[in-house]
Amino acid sequence: MLAKMFTDHPRAVHETYAEHFGVAARFGLSLIGAGIACLVHAVVPGVFVTRGSDTVCRLYSDMVEHRRHRLRLSDEESA
């Protein structure tokens, strides 16, 4: 059961554990950076005006493109 916690989700998104770790860690660090920028923006509204929304948009786009790429690879392997 413990092993499934490390393999089921990466497999479901067509990634190895290491690939998933890298993607998730990059997303997490990007969100932490954006969150800090948003907190600074809350105090000084003239700085980091679009950092939070820009980060969310970029990460969403990256996630969608990554998913499409993985699905194409999966379809090619199945054919």
PDB file of N, CA and C in Angstrom:
ATOM      1  N   MET A   1       0.829  -1.203   0.000  1.00  0.00           N
ATOM      2  CA  MET A   1       0.000   0.000   0.000  1.00  0.00           C
ATOM      3  C   MET A   1       0.870   1.263   0.000  1.00  0.00           C
ATOM      4  N   LEU A   2       1.932   1.269   0.774  1.00  0.00           N
ATOM      5  CA  LEU A   2       2.802   2.438   0.825  1.00  0.00           C
ATOM      6  C   LEU A   2       3.421   2.697  -0.549  1.00  0.00           C
ATOM      7  N   ALA A   3       3.826   1.644  -1.228  1.00  0.00           N
ATOM      8  CA  ALA A   3       4.420   1.803  -2.553  1.00  0.00           C
ATOM      9  C   ALA A   3       3.432   2.437  -3.525  1.00  0.00           C
ATOM     10  N   LYS A   4       2.169   2.097  -3.410  1.00  0.00           N
ATOM     11  CA  LYS A   4       1.139   2.661  -4.297  1.00  0.00           C
ATOM     12  C   LYS A   4       1.039   4.179  -4.152  1.00  0.00           C
ATOM     13  N   MET A   5       1.309   4.685  -2.957  1.00  0.00           N
ATOM     14  CA  MET A   5       1.257   6.130  -2.736  1.00  0.00           C
ATOM     15  C   MET A   5       2.321   6.844  -3.567  1.00  0.00           C
ATOM     16  N   PHE A   6       3.385   6.144  -3.914  1.00  0.00           N
ATOM     17  CA  PHE A   6       4.481   6.733  -4.661  1.00  0.00           C
ATOM     18  C   PHE A   6       4.405   6.443  -6.158  1.00  0.00           C
ATOM     19  N   THR A   7       3.553   5.513  -6.553  1.00  0.00           N
ATOM     20  CA  THR A   7       3.549   5.114  -7.963  1.00  0.00           C
ATOM     21  C   THR A   7       2.236   5.336  -8.690  1.00  0.00           C
ATOM     22  N   ASP A   8       1.111   5.235  -8.022  1.00  0.00           N
ATOM     23  CA  ASP A   8      -0.183   5.306  -8.714  1.00  0.00           C
ATOM     24  C   ASP A   8      -0.410   6.629  -9.433  1.00  0.00           C
ATOM     25  N   HIS A   9      -0.251   7.728  -8.742  1.00  0.00           N
ATOM     26  CA  HIS A   9      -0.518   9.024  -9.380  1.00  0.00           C
ATOM     27  C   HIS A   9       0.489   9.330 -10.487  1.00  0.00           C
ATOM     28  N   PRO A  10       1.794   9.186 -10.266  1.00  0.00           N
ATOM     29  CA  PRO A  10       2.713   9.420 -11.393  1.00  0.00           C
ATOM     30  C   PRO A  10       2.373   8.560 -12.615  1.00  0.00           C
ATOM     31  N   ARG A  11       2.040   7.303 -12.387  1.00  0.00           N
ATOM     32  CA  ARG A  11       1.672   6.427 -13.498  1.00  0.00           C
ATOM     33  C   ARG A  11       0.412   6.946 -14.191  1.00  0.00           C
ATOM     34  N   ALA A  12      -0.548   7.440 -13.419  1.00  0.00           N
ATOM     35  CA  ALA A  12      -1.801   7.942 -13.990  1.00  0.00           C
ATOM     36  C   ALA A  12      -1.576   9.159 -14.887  1.00  0.00           C
ATOM     37  N   VAL A  13      -0.537   9.921 -14.615  1.00  0.00           N
ATOM     38  CA  VAL A  13      -0.231  11.090 -15.454  1.00  0.00           C
ATOM     39  C   VAL A  13       0.939  10.806 -16.393  1.00  0.00           C
ATOM     40  N   HIS A  14       1.217   9.511 -16.582  1.00  0.00           N
ATOM     41  CA  HIS A  14       2.223   9.052 -17.547  1.00  0.00           C
ATOM     42  C   HIS A  14       3.620   9.594 -17.247  1.00  0.00           C
ATOM     43  N   GLU A  15       4.003   9.528 -15.969  1.00  0.00           N
ATOM     44  CA  GLU A  15       5.331   9.957 -15.544  1.00  0.00           C
ATOM     45  C   GLU A  15       5.944   8.897 -14.648  1.00  0.00           C
ATOM     46  N   THR A  16       7.251   8.903 -14.594  1.00  0.00           N
ATOM     47  CA  THR A  16       7.925   8.098 -13.578  1.00  0.00           C
ATOM     48  C   THR A  16       7.861   8.892 -12.266  1.00  0.00           C
ATOM     49  N   TYR A  17       8.253   8.237 -11.190  1.00  0.00           N
ATOM     50  CA  TYR A  17       8.295   8.947  -9.911  1.00  0.00           C
ATOM     51  C   TYR A  17       9.239  10.135 -10.000  1.00  0.00           C
ATOM     52  N   ALA A  18      10.426   9.923 -10.591  1.00  0.00           N
ATOM     53  CA  ALA A  18      11.420  11.000 -10.675  1.00  0.00           C
ATOM     54  C   ALA A  18      10.919  12.159 -11.528  1.00  0.00           C
ATOM     55  N   GLU A  19      10.279  11.855 -12.650  1.00  0.00           N
ATOM     56  CA  GLU A  19       9.723  12.924 -13.490  1.00  0.00           C
ATOM     57  C   GLU A  19       8.665  13.713 -12.727  1.00  0.00           C
ATOM     58  N   HIS A  20       7.788  12.990 -12.050  1.00  0.00           N
ATOM     59  CA  HIS A  20       6.723  13.657 -11.287  1.00  0.00           C
ATOM     60  C   HIS A  20       7.303  14.505 -10.167  1.00  0.00           C
ATOM     61  N   PHE A  21       8.314  13.993  -9.500  1.00  0.00           N
ATOM     62  CA  PHE A  21       8.965  14.750  -8.434  1.00  0.00           C
ATOM     63  C   PHE A  21       9.491  16.076  -8.974  1.00  0.00           C
ATOM     64  N   GLY A  22      10.172  16.028 -10.112  1.00  0.00           N
ATOM     65  CA  GLY A  22      10.734  17.246 -10.693  1.00  0.00           C
ATOM     66  C   GLY A  22       9.670  18.259 -11.064  1.00  0.00           C
ATOM     67  N   VAL A  23       8.617  17.800 -11.711  1.00  0.00           N
ATOM     68  CA  VAL A  23       7.542  18.704 -12.127  1.00  0.00           C
ATOM     69  C   VAL A  23       6.844  19.296 -10.901  1.00  0.00           C
ATOM     70  N   ALA A  24       6.490  18.446  -9.956  1.00  0.00           N
ATOM     71  CA  ALA A  24       5.780  18.924  -8.763  1.00  0.00           C
ATOM     72  C   ALA A  24       6.646  19.869  -7.925  1.00  0.00           C
ATOM     73  N   ALA A  25       7.926  19.567  -7.809  1.00  0.00           N
ATOM     74  CA  ALA A  25       8.824  20.440  -7.042  1.00  0.00           C
ATOM     75  C   ALA A  25       8.957  21.806  -7.714  1.00  0.00           C
ATOM     76  N   ARG A  26       9.081  21.813  -9.045  1.00  0.00           N
ATOM     77  CA  ARG A  26       9.183  23.089  -9.765  1.00  0.00           C
ATOM     78  C   ARG A  26       7.901  23.902  -9.592  1.00  0.00           C
ATOM     79  N   PHE A  27       6.756  23.245  -9.701  1.00  0.00           N
ATOM     80  CA  PHE A  27       5.479  23.942  -9.488  1.00  0.00           C
ATOM     81  C   PHE A  27       5.420  24.506  -8.072  1.00  0.00           C
ATOM     82  N   GLY A  28       5.777  23.690  -7.099  1.00  0.00           N
ATOM     83  CA  GLY A  28       5.722  24.130  -5.707  1.00  0.00           C
ATOM     84  C   GLY A  28       6.607  25.328  -5.433  1.00  0.00           C
ATOM     85  N   LEU A  29       7.833  25.271  -5.929  1.00  0.00           N
ATOM     86  CA  LEU A  29       8.746  26.399  -5.719  1.00  0.00           C
ATOM     87  C   LEU A  29       8.256  27.654  -6.432  1.00  0.00           C
ATOM     88  N   SER A  30       7.697  27.484  -7.630  1.00  0.00           N
ATOM     89  CA  SER A  30       7.140  28.638  -8.351  1.00  0.00           C
ATOM     90  C   SER A  30       5.988  29.262  -7.574  1.00  0.00           C
ATOM     91  N   LEU A  31       5.142  28.413  -6.996  1.00  0.00           N
ATOM     92  CA  LEU A  31       4.002  28.928  -6.228  1.00  0.00           C
ATOM     93  C   LEU A  31       4.451  29.609  -4.934  1.00  0.00           C
ATOM     94  N   ILE A  32       5.477  29.066  -4.297  1.00  0.00           N
ATOM     95  CA  ILE A  32       6.008  29.720  -3.097  1.00  0.00           C
ATOM     96  C   ILE A  32       6.539  31.099  -3.457  1.00  0.00           C
ATOM     97  N   GLY A  33       7.318  31.191  -4.554  1.00  0.00           N
ATOM     98  CA  GLY A  33       7.833  32.488  -4.997  1.00  0.00           C
ATOM     99  C   GLY A  33       6.717  33.466  -5.310  1.00  0.00           C
ATOM    100  N   ALA A  34       5.686  32.982  -5.999  1.00  0.00           N
ATOM    101  CA  ALA A  34       4.549  33.849  -6.333  1.00  0.00           C
ATOM    102  C   ALA A  34       3.805  34.269  -5.069  1.00  0.00           C
ATOM    103  N   GLY A  35       3.696  33.359  -4.115  1.00  0.00           N
ATOM    104  CA  GLY A  35       3.018  33.684  -2.861  1.00  0.00           C
ATOM    105  C   GLY A  35       3.752  34.756  -2.076  1.00  0.00           C
ATOM    106  N   ILE A  36       5.064  34.651  -2.034  1.00  0.00           N
ATOM    107  CA  ILE A  36       5.861  35.683  -1.353  1.00  0.00           C
ATOM    108  C   ILE A  36       5.700  37.021  -2.066  1.00  0.00           C
ATOM    109  N   ALA A  37       5.726  36.978  -3.411  1.00  0.00           N
ATOM    110  CA  ALA A  37       5.529  38.218  -4.172  1.00  0.00           C
ATOM    111  C   ALA A  37       4.158  38.817  -3.885  1.00  0.00           C
ATOM    112  N   CYS A  38       3.138  37.988  -3.762  1.00  0.00           N
ATOM    113  CA  CYS A  38       1.793  38.488  -3.450  1.00  0.00           C
ATOM    114  C   CYS A  38       1.737  39.125  -2.059  1.00  0.00           C
ATOM    115  N   LEU A  39       2.441  38.530  -1.097  1.00  0.00           N
ATOM    116  CA  LEU A  39       2.471  39.114   0.246  1.00  0.00           C
ATOM    117  C   LEU A  39       3.176  40.464   0.238  1.00  0.00           C
ATOM    118  N   VAL A  40       4.277  40.561  -0.512  1.00  0.00           N
ATOM    119  CA  VAL A  40       4.964  41.853  -0.641  1.00  0.00           C
ATOM    120  C   VAL A  40       4.051  42.844  -1.352  1.00  0.00           C
ATOM    121  N   HIS A  41       3.364  42.398  -2.382  1.00  0.00           N
ATOM    122  CA  HIS A  41       2.432  43.244  -3.118  1.00  0.00           C
ATOM    123  C   HIS A  41       1.313  43.761  -2.203  1.00  0.00           C
ATOM    124  N   ALA A  42       0.889  42.937  -1.266  1.00  0.00           N
ATOM    125  CA  ALA A  42      -0.166  43.367  -0.339  1.00  0.00           C
ATOM    126  C   ALA A  42       0.287  44.568   0.484  1.00  0.00           C
ATOM    127  N   VAL A  43       1.578  44.593   0.835  1.00  0.00           N
ATOM    128  CA  VAL A  43       2.120  45.684   1.639  1.00  0.00           C
ATOM    129  C   VAL A  43       2.473  46.888   0.770  1.00  0.00           C
ATOM    130  N   VAL A  44       3.083  46.623  -0.393  1.00  0.00           N
ATOM    131  CA  VAL A  44       3.506  47.688  -1.314  1.00  0.00           C
ATOM    132  C   VAL A  44       2.851  47.402  -2.672  1.00  0.00           C
ATOM    133  N   PRO A  45       1.649  47.911  -2.898  1.00  0.00           N
ATOM    134  CA  PRO A  45       0.887  47.571  -4.097  1.00  0.00           C
ATOM    135  C   PRO A  45       1.580  47.883  -5.427  1.00  0.00           C
ATOM    136  N   GLY A  46       2.576  48.737  -5.419  1.00  0.00           N
ATOM    137  CA  GLY A  46       3.241  49.093  -6.665  1.00  0.00           C
ATOM    138  C   GLY A  46       4.284  48.091  -7.132  1.00  0.00           C
ATOM    139  N   VAL A  47       4.562  47.056  -6.331  1.00  0.00           N
ATOM    140  CA  VAL A  47       5.556  46.060  -6.739  1.00  0.00           C
ATOM    141  C   VAL A  47       4.875  44.706  -6.961  1.00  0.00           C
ATOM    142  N   PHE A  48       5.475  43.905  -7.812  1.00  0.00           N
ATOM    143  CA  PHE A  48       4.946  42.574  -8.129  1.00  0.00           C
ATOM    144  C   PHE A  48       3.463  42.630  -8.514  1.00  0.00           C
ATOM    145  N   VAL A  49       3.119  43.591  -9.335  1.00  0.00           N
ATOM    146  CA  VAL A  49       1.714  43.852  -9.684  1.00  0.00           C
ATOM    147  C   VAL A  49       1.064  42.641 -10.357  1.00  0.00           C
ATOM    148  N   THR A  50       1.783  41.956 -11.229  1.00  0.00           N
ATOM    149  CA  THR A  50       1.171  40.831 -11.952  1.00  0.00           C
ATOM    150  C   THR A  50       1.870  39.501 -11.672  1.00  0.00           C
ATOM    151  N   ARG A  51       2.789  39.472 -10.749  1.00  0.00           N
ATOM    152  CA  ARG A  51       3.587  38.258 -10.528  1.00  0.00           C
ATOM    153  C   ARG A  51       2.725  37.051 -10.178  1.00  0.00           C
ATOM    154  N   GLY A  52       1.788  37.204  -9.272  1.00  0.00           N
ATOM    155  CA  GLY A  52       0.941  36.072  -8.867  1.00  0.00           C
ATOM    156  C   GLY A  52       0.124  35.530 -10.027  1.00  0.00           C
ATOM    157  N   SER A  53      -0.598  36.402 -10.710  1.00  0.00           N
ATOM    158  CA  SER A  53      -1.444  35.947 -11.813  1.00  0.00           C
ATOM    159  C   SER A  53      -0.603  35.438 -12.983  1.00  0.00           C
ATOM    160  N   ASP A  54       0.528  36.082 -13.256  1.00  0.00           N
ATOM    161  CA  ASP A  54       1.413  35.603 -14.327  1.00  0.00           C
ATOM    162  C   ASP A  54       1.910  34.188 -14.031  1.00  0.00           C
ATOM    163  N   THR A  55       2.266  33.939 -12.794  1.00  0.00           N
ATOM    164  CA  THR A  55       2.765  32.618 -12.405  1.00  0.00           C
ATOM    165  C   THR A  55       1.680  31.566 -12.552  1.00  0.00           C
ATOM    166  N   VAL A  56       0.478  31.877 -12.076  1.00  0.00           N
ATOM    167  CA  VAL A  56      -0.628  30.923 -12.176  1.00  0.00           C
ATOM    168  C   VAL A  56      -0.927  30.615 -13.650  1.00  0.00           C
ATOM    169  N   CYS A  57      -0.976  31.635 -14.485  1.00  0.00           N
ATOM    170  CA  CYS A  57      -1.239  31.426 -15.916  1.00  0.00           C
ATOM    171  C   CYS A  57      -0.147  30.583 -16.561  1.00  0.00           C
ATOM    172  N   ARG A  58       1.113  30.874 -16.244  1.00  0.00           N
ATOM    173  CA  ARG A  58       2.228  30.116 -16.818  1.00  0.00           C
ATOM    174  C   ARG A  58       2.189  28.661 -16.369  1.00  0.00           C
ATOM    175  N   LEU A  59       1.955  28.447 -15.078  1.00  0.00           N
ATOM    176  CA  LEU A  59       1.917  27.082 -14.578  1.00  0.00           C
ATOM    177  C   LEU A  59       0.748  26.303 -15.170  1.00  0.00           C
ATOM    178  N   TYR A  60      -0.396  26.937 -15.314  1.00  0.00           N
ATOM    179  CA  TYR A  60      -1.545  26.266 -15.926  1.00  0.00           C
ATOM    180  C   TYR A  60      -1.218  25.878 -17.363  1.00  0.00           C
ATOM    181  N   SER A  61      -0.639  26.818 -18.114  1.00  0.00           N
ATOM    182  CA  SER A  61      -0.271  26.538 -19.501  1.00  0.00           C
ATOM    183  C   SER A  61       0.749  25.400 -19.561  1.00  0.00           C
ATOM    184  N   ASP A  62       1.761  25.451 -18.696  1.00  0.00           N
ATOM    185  CA  ASP A  62       2.759  24.380 -18.656  1.00  0.00           C
ATOM    186  C   ASP A  62       2.109  23.032 -18.348  1.00  0.00           C
ATOM    187  N   MET A  63       1.176  23.011 -17.409  1.00  0.00           N
ATOM    188  CA  MET A  63       0.524  21.773 -17.013  1.00  0.00           C
ATOM    189  C   MET A  63      -0.291  21.198 -18.171  1.00  0.00           C
ATOM    190  N   VAL A  64      -1.044  22.050 -18.857  1.00  0.00           N
ATOM    191  CA  VAL A  64      -1.870  21.591 -19.970  1.00  0.00           C
ATOM    192  C   VAL A  64      -0.990  21.069 -21.106  1.00  0.00           C
ATOM    193  N   GLU A  65       0.071  21.802 -21.442  1.00  0.00           N
ATOM    194  CA  GLU A  65       0.972  21.361 -22.514  1.00  0.00           C
ATOM    195  C   GLU A  65       1.690  20.069 -22.130  1.00  0.00           C
ATOM    196  N   HIS A  66       2.115  19.969 -20.883  1.00  0.00           N
ATOM    197  CA  HIS A  66       2.785  18.760 -20.401  1.00  0.00           C
ATOM    198  C   HIS A  66       1.845  17.562 -20.509  1.00  0.00           C
ATOM    199  N   ARG A  67       0.595  17.768 -20.112  1.00  0.00           N
ATOM    200  CA  ARG A  67      -0.407  16.694 -20.174  1.00  0.00           C
ATOM    201  C   ARG A  67      -0.628  16.263 -21.623  1.00  0.00           C
ATOM    202  N   ARG A  68      -0.765  17.226 -22.526  1.00  0.00           N
ATOM    203  CA  ARG A  68      -0.971  16.894 -23.946  1.00  0.00           C
ATOM    204  C   ARG A  68       0.225  16.112 -24.495  1.00  0.00           C
ATOM    205  N   HIS A  69       1.421  16.553 -24.144  1.00  0.00           N
ATOM    206  CA  HIS A  69       2.625  15.870 -24.609  1.00  0.00           C
ATOM    207  C   HIS A  69       2.662  14.434 -24.100  1.00  0.00           C
ATOM    208  N   ARG A  70       2.385  14.247 -22.820  1.00  0.00           N
ATOM    209  CA  ARG A  70       2.400  12.909 -22.232  1.00  0.00           C
ATOM    210  C   ARG A  70       1.332  12.016 -22.866  1.00  0.00           C
ATOM    211  N   LEU A  71       0.161  12.565 -23.141  1.00  0.00           N
ATOM    212  CA  LEU A  71      -0.909  11.774 -23.760  1.00  0.00           C
ATOM    213  C   LEU A  71      -0.527  11.386 -25.189  1.00  0.00           C
ATOM    214  N   ARG A  72       0.126  12.308 -25.931  1.00  0.00           N
ATOM    215  CA  ARG A  72       0.582  11.972 -27.280  1.00  0.00           C
ATOM    216  C   ARG A  72       1.596  10.840 -27.228  1.00  0.00           C
ATOM    217  N   LEU A  73       2.544  10.916 -26.286  1.00  0.00           N
ATOM    218  CA  LEU A  73       3.536   9.852 -26.155  1.00  0.00           C
ATOM    219  C   LEU A  73       2.859   8.525 -25.797  1.00  0.00           C
ATOM    220  N   SER A  74       1.889   8.584 -24.907  1.00  0.00           N
ATOM    221  CA  SER A  74       1.170   7.384 -24.502  1.00  0.00           C
ATOM    222  C   SER A  74       0.407   6.782 -25.687  1.00  0.00           C
ATOM    223  N   ASP A  75      -0.223   7.637 -26.490  1.00  0.00           N
ATOM    224  CA  ASP A  75      -0.953   7.156 -27.663  1.00  0.00           C
ATOM    225  C   ASP A  75      -0.006   6.526 -28.677  1.00  0.00           C
ATOM    226  N   GLU A  76       1.172   7.134 -28.858  1.00  0.00           N
ATOM    227  CA  GLU A  76       2.152   6.594 -29.799  1.00  0.00           C
ATOM    228  C   GLU A  76       2.675   5.240 -29.335  1.00  0.00           C
ATOM    229  N   GLU A  77       2.860   5.089 -28.026  1.00  0.00           N
ATOM    230  CA  GLU A  77       3.343   3.819 -27.490  1.00  0.00           C
ATOM    231  C   GLU A  77       2.289   2.730 -27.646  1.00  0.00           C
ATOM    232  N   SER A  78       1.024   3.117 -27.560  1.00  0.00           N
ATOM    233  CA  SER A  78      -0.064   2.143 -27.671  1.00  0.00           C
ATOM    234  C   SER A  78      -0.290   1.679 -29.103  1.00  0.00           C
ATOM    235  N   ALA A  79       0.086   2.533 -30.065  1.00  0.00           N
ATOM    236  CA  ALA A  79      -0.175   2.204 -31.476  1.00  0.00           C
ATOM    237  C   ALA A  79       0.766   1.177 -32.024  1.00  0.00           C
TER     238      ALA A  79
END
